[in-house]
Amino acid sequence: MKKCSKCREMKPLNEFHKEKKSKDGLQGYCKPCRHKDGKKQYADPDSAKNSLGGGVYAIIRKADCKTVYVGETAFLYQRKYDHFHNGKNPKNSFLRRNNLNPAEYEFAIWHRIEDETWRKRLENIYIETLGLPQKLNVL
């Protein structure tokens, strides 16, 4: 049994996610509390995760101002983090997937659009207009 530091209830150990860094190997908040916090964060338009909302973005090489990647997402803040930092999944990072130095590139938001259909259409228009391959793997 372990006490959740959020709701202060004693719960069985299987009610907590794993956390390698903690002494007991478990997170401090129980699964239901973490789930509630996550839902609140994404539902709140003023949340840091949603501060930029959805839209179409580009990754631009600083040296020659060339657009090397165009993408769309519902969470611009998170995608910027995924591309320029060590996120959970390297496949989500154009820069790391291609062994590029993030300091040589910048993240530019071209349009803020919440509607997924329009984001995807606009992304495809930019990809076609700029002559970028649909799945850009190597520069």
C-alpha atoms as a PDB file:
ATOM      1  CA  MET A   1       0.000   0.000   0.000  1.00  0.00           C
ATOM      2  CA  LYS A   2       1.095   3.545  -0.712  1.00  0.00           C
ATOM      3  CA  LYS A   3      -0.385   6.961   0.013  1.00  0.00           C
ATOM      4  CA  CYS A   4      -1.090   9.186  -2.998  1.00  0.00           C
ATOM      5  CA  SER A   5       0.435  12.619  -2.493  1.00  0.00           C
ATOM      6  CA  LYS A   6      -2.441  14.225  -4.421  1.00  0.00           C
ATOM      7  CA  CYS A   7      -5.651  12.690  -3.046  1.00  0.00           C
ATOM      8  CA  ARG A   8      -4.019  11.476   0.214  1.00  0.00           C
ATOM      9  CA  GLU A   9      -5.662   8.032  -0.022  1.00  0.00           C
ATOM     10  CA  MET A  10      -3.905   4.738   0.684  1.00  0.00           C
ATOM     11  CA  LYS A  11      -3.961   2.621  -2.477  1.00  0.00           C
ATOM     12  CA  PRO A  12      -2.434  -0.658  -3.661  1.00  0.00           C
ATOM     13  CA  LEU A  13       0.915  -0.398  -5.435  1.00  0.00           C
ATOM     14  CA  ASN A  14      -0.595  -1.349  -8.797  1.00  0.00           C
ATOM     15  CA  GLU A  15      -2.501   1.976  -8.706  1.00  0.00           C
ATOM     16  CA  PHE A  16       0.780   3.860  -9.281  1.00  0.00           C
ATOM     17  CA  HIS A  17       2.861   4.196 -12.453  1.00  0.00           C
ATOM     18  CA  LYS A  18       6.532   3.187 -12.336  1.00  0.00           C
ATOM     19  CA  GLU A  19       9.225   5.830 -11.796  1.00  0.00           C
ATOM     20  CA  LYS A  20      12.862   4.670 -11.841  1.00  0.00           C
ATOM     21  CA  LYS A  21      14.153   7.804 -10.094  1.00  0.00           C
ATOM     22  CA  SER A  22      12.014   7.477  -6.955  1.00  0.00           C
ATOM     23  CA  LYS A  23      13.096   5.483  -3.907  1.00  0.00           C
ATOM     24  CA  ASP A  24      10.223   2.992  -4.094  1.00  0.00           C
ATOM     25  CA  GLY A  25      10.209   2.869  -7.902  1.00  0.00           C
ATOM     26  CA  LEU A  26       6.714   4.388  -8.159  1.00  0.00           C
ATOM     27  CA  GLN A  27       5.302   7.821  -8.934  1.00  0.00           C
ATOM     28  CA  GLY A  28       3.917   9.956  -6.119  1.00  0.00           C
ATOM     29  CA  TYR A  29       0.424  10.432  -7.608  1.00  0.00           C
ATOM     30  CA  CYS A  30      -1.929   7.497  -8.205  1.00  0.00           C
ATOM     31  CA  LYS A  31      -3.062   6.676 -11.767  1.00  0.00           C
ATOM     32  CA  PRO A  32      -6.532   8.279 -11.409  1.00  0.00           C
ATOM     33  CA  CYS A  33      -5.033  11.536 -10.071  1.00  0.00           C
ATOM     34  CA  ARG A  34      -2.461  11.697 -12.879  1.00  0.00           C
ATOM     35  CA  HIS A  35      -5.212  11.005 -15.414  1.00  0.00           C
ATOM     36  CA  LYS A  36      -7.352  13.852 -14.022  1.00  0.00           C
ATOM     37  CA  ASP A  37      -4.391  16.263 -14.071  1.00  0.00           C
ATOM     38  CA  GLY A  38      -3.574  15.368 -17.672  1.00  0.00           C
ATOM     39  CA  LYS A  39      -7.156  15.867 -18.807  1.00  0.00           C
ATOM     40  CA  LYS A  40      -7.330  19.252 -17.055  1.00  0.00           C
ATOM     41  CA  GLN A  41      -4.067  20.370 -18.625  1.00  0.00           C
ATOM     42  CA  TYR A  42      -5.122  19.548 -22.181  1.00  0.00           C
ATOM     43  CA  ALA A  43      -8.652  20.929 -21.657  1.00  0.00           C
ATOM     44  CA  ASP A  44      -7.308  24.277 -20.409  1.00  0.00           C
ATOM     45  CA  PRO A  45      -6.544  26.592 -23.362  1.00  0.00           C
ATOM     46  CA  ASP A  46      -4.151  28.612 -21.146  1.00  0.00           C
ATOM     47  CA  SER A  47      -2.107  25.517 -20.258  1.00  0.00           C
ATOM     48  CA  ALA A  48       1.550  25.508 -21.333  1.00  0.00           C
ATOM     49  CA  LYS A  49       0.870  22.367 -23.400  1.00  0.00           C
ATOM     50  CA  ASN A  50      -1.904  24.130 -25.298  1.00  0.00           C
ATOM     51  CA  SER A  51      -0.532  27.650 -25.299  1.00  0.00           C
ATOM     52  CA  LEU A  52       0.093  27.447 -29.027  1.00  0.00           C
ATOM     53  CA  GLY A  53      -2.845  25.168 -29.923  1.00  0.00           C
ATOM     54  CA  GLY A  54      -2.905  23.420 -33.271  1.00  0.00           C
ATOM     55  CA  GLY A  55      -1.491  24.503 -36.583  1.00  0.00           C
ATOM     56  CA  VAL A  56       0.961  24.103 -39.421  1.00  0.00           C
ATOM     57  CA  TYR A  57       4.667  24.577 -38.708  1.00  0.00           C
ATOM     58  CA  ALA A  58       8.009  24.358 -40.455  1.00  0.00           C
ATOM     59  CA  ILE A  59      11.575  23.562 -39.545  1.00  0.00           C
ATOM     60  CA  ILE A  60      13.910  26.018 -41.243  1.00  0.00           C
ATOM     61  CA  ARG A  61      17.688  25.812 -41.664  1.00  0.00           C
ATOM     62  CA  LYS A  62      19.149  29.055 -40.270  1.00  0.00           C
ATOM     63  CA  ALA A  63      22.188  29.156 -42.573  1.00  0.00           C
ATOM     64  CA  ASP A  64      20.226  29.622 -45.810  1.00  0.00           C
ATOM     65  CA  CYS A  65      16.623  30.091 -44.527  1.00  0.00           C
ATOM     66  CA  LYS A  66      15.584  26.932 -46.382  1.00  0.00           C
ATOM     67  CA  THR A  67      12.455  25.108 -45.241  1.00  0.00           C
ATOM     68  CA  VAL A  68      13.435  21.477 -44.760  1.00  0.00           C
ATOM     69  CA  TYR A  69      10.297  20.114 -43.092  1.00  0.00           C
ATOM     70  CA  VAL A  70       6.597  21.028 -42.902  1.00  0.00           C
ATOM     71  CA  GLY A  71       4.208  19.436 -40.436  1.00  0.00           C
ATOM     72  CA  GLU A  72       0.837  19.825 -38.752  1.00  0.00           C
ATOM     73  CA  THR A  73      -0.276  19.042 -35.219  1.00  0.00           C
ATOM     74  CA  ALA A  74      -2.947  19.727 -32.632  1.00  0.00           C
ATOM     75  CA  PHE A  75      -0.221  20.553 -30.078  1.00  0.00           C
ATOM     76  CA  LEU A  76       2.418  22.914 -31.479  1.00  0.00           C
ATOM     77  CA  TYR A  77       4.211  23.309 -28.147  1.00  0.00           C
ATOM     78  CA  GLN A  78       4.649  19.545 -27.783  1.00  0.00           C
ATOM     79  CA  ARG A  79       5.798  19.067 -31.401  1.00  0.00           C
ATOM     80  CA  LYS A  80       8.424  21.785 -31.036  1.00  0.00           C
ATOM     81  CA  TYR A  81       9.685  20.007 -27.929  1.00  0.00           C
ATOM     82  CA  ASP A  82       9.669  16.616 -29.698  1.00  0.00           C
ATOM     83  CA  HIS A  83      11.713  17.945 -32.632  1.00  0.00           C
ATOM     84  CA  PHE A  84      14.283  19.942 -30.667  1.00  0.00           C
ATOM     85  CA  HIS A  85      14.719  17.941 -27.438  1.00  0.00           C
ATOM     86  CA  ASN A  86      15.143  14.336 -26.423  1.00  0.00           C
ATOM     87  CA  GLY A  87      11.505  13.265 -26.258  1.00  0.00           C
ATOM     88  CA  LYS A  88      10.236   9.752 -25.677  1.00  0.00           C
ATOM     89  CA  ASN A  89      10.231   8.691 -29.320  1.00  0.00           C
ATOM     90  CA  PRO A  90      13.110   9.581 -31.687  1.00  0.00           C
ATOM     91  CA  LYS A  91      10.845   8.797 -34.657  1.00  0.00           C
ATOM     92  CA  ASN A  92       8.862  11.940 -33.754  1.00  0.00           C
ATOM     93  CA  SER A  93      11.897  14.148 -34.283  1.00  0.00           C
ATOM     94  CA  PHE A  94      12.871  15.084 -37.826  1.00  0.00           C
ATOM     95  CA  LEU A  95      16.183  16.513 -36.578  1.00  0.00           C
ATOM     96  CA  ARG A  96      17.253  13.501 -34.490  1.00  0.00           C
ATOM     97  CA  ARG A  97      16.029  11.017 -37.092  1.00  0.00           C
ATOM     98  CA  ASN A  98      18.377  12.668 -39.609  1.00  0.00           C
ATOM     99  CA  ASN A  99      21.251  13.331 -37.155  1.00  0.00           C
ATOM    100  CA  LEU A 100      20.977  17.111 -37.553  1.00  0.00           C
ATOM    101  CA  ASN A 101      22.112  19.711 -35.014  1.00  0.00           C
ATOM    102  CA  PRO A 102      19.017  21.442 -33.521  1.00  0.00           C
ATOM    103  CA  ALA A 103      21.042  24.641 -32.970  1.00  0.00           C
ATOM    104  CA  GLU A 104      21.244  25.074 -36.753  1.00  0.00           C
ATOM    105  CA  TYR A 105      17.451  24.997 -37.230  1.00  0.00           C
ATOM    106  CA  GLU A 106      14.432  26.918 -36.015  1.00  0.00           C
ATOM    107  CA  PHE A 107      10.767  26.102 -35.496  1.00  0.00           C
ATOM    108  CA  ALA A 108       8.348  28.465 -37.266  1.00  0.00           C
ATOM    109  CA  ILE A 109       4.574  28.485 -36.851  1.00  0.00           C
ATOM    110  CA  TRP A 110       2.988  29.328 -40.187  1.00  0.00           C
ATOM    111  CA  HIS A 111      -0.709  29.041 -39.336  1.00  0.00           C
ATOM    112  CA  ARG A 112      -2.709  28.368 -36.185  1.00  0.00           C
ATOM    113  CA  ILE A 113      -5.629  26.169 -37.152  1.00  0.00           C
ATOM    114  CA  GLU A 114      -7.621  23.971 -34.799  1.00  0.00           C
ATOM    115  CA  ASP A 115      -9.546  22.033 -37.480  1.00  0.00           C
ATOM    116  CA  GLU A 116      -7.580  18.874 -38.317  1.00  0.00           C
ATOM    117  CA  THR A 117      -8.889  18.596 -41.892  1.00  0.00           C
ATOM    118  CA  TRP A 118      -7.774  22.120 -42.777  1.00  0.00           C
ATOM    119  CA  ARG A 119      -4.404  21.648 -41.066  1.00  0.00           C
ATOM    120  CA  LYS A 120      -3.702  18.546 -43.161  1.00  0.00           C
ATOM    121  CA  ARG A 121      -4.835  20.243 -46.384  1.00  0.00           C
ATOM    122  CA  LEU A 122      -2.650  23.268 -45.728  1.00  0.00           C
ATOM    123  CA  GLU A 123       0.310  21.060 -44.814  1.00  0.00           C
ATOM    124  CA  ASN A 124      -0.034  19.197 -48.139  1.00  0.00           C
ATOM    125  CA  ILE A 125      -0.290  22.479 -50.078  1.00  0.00           C
ATOM    126  CA  TYR A 126       2.972  23.708 -48.512  1.00  0.00           C
ATOM    127  CA  ILE A 127       4.733  20.395 -49.135  1.00  0.00           C
ATOM    128  CA  GLU A 128       3.706  20.436 -52.814  1.00  0.00           C
ATOM    129  CA  THR A 129       4.474  24.146 -53.284  1.00  0.00           C
ATOM    130  CA  LEU A 130       7.923  23.894 -51.722  1.00  0.00           C
ATOM    131  CA  GLY A 131       8.718  20.672 -53.580  1.00  0.00           C
ATOM    132  CA  LEU A 132       9.370  18.713 -50.386  1.00  0.00           C
ATOM    133  CA  PRO A 133       8.974  14.932 -50.429  1.00  0.00           C
ATOM    134  CA  GLN A 134       5.928  13.687 -48.508  1.00  0.00           C
ATOM    135  CA  LYS A 135       8.136  11.661 -46.153  1.00  0.00           C
ATOM    136  CA  LEU A 136      11.415  13.537 -45.896  1.00  0.00           C
ATOM    137  CA  ASN A 137      14.042  11.199 -44.430  1.00  0.00           C
ATOM    138  CA  VAL A 138      17.358  12.628 -45.589  1.00  0.00           C
ATOM    139  CA  LEU A 139      18.353  16.129 -46.745  1.00  0.00           C
END
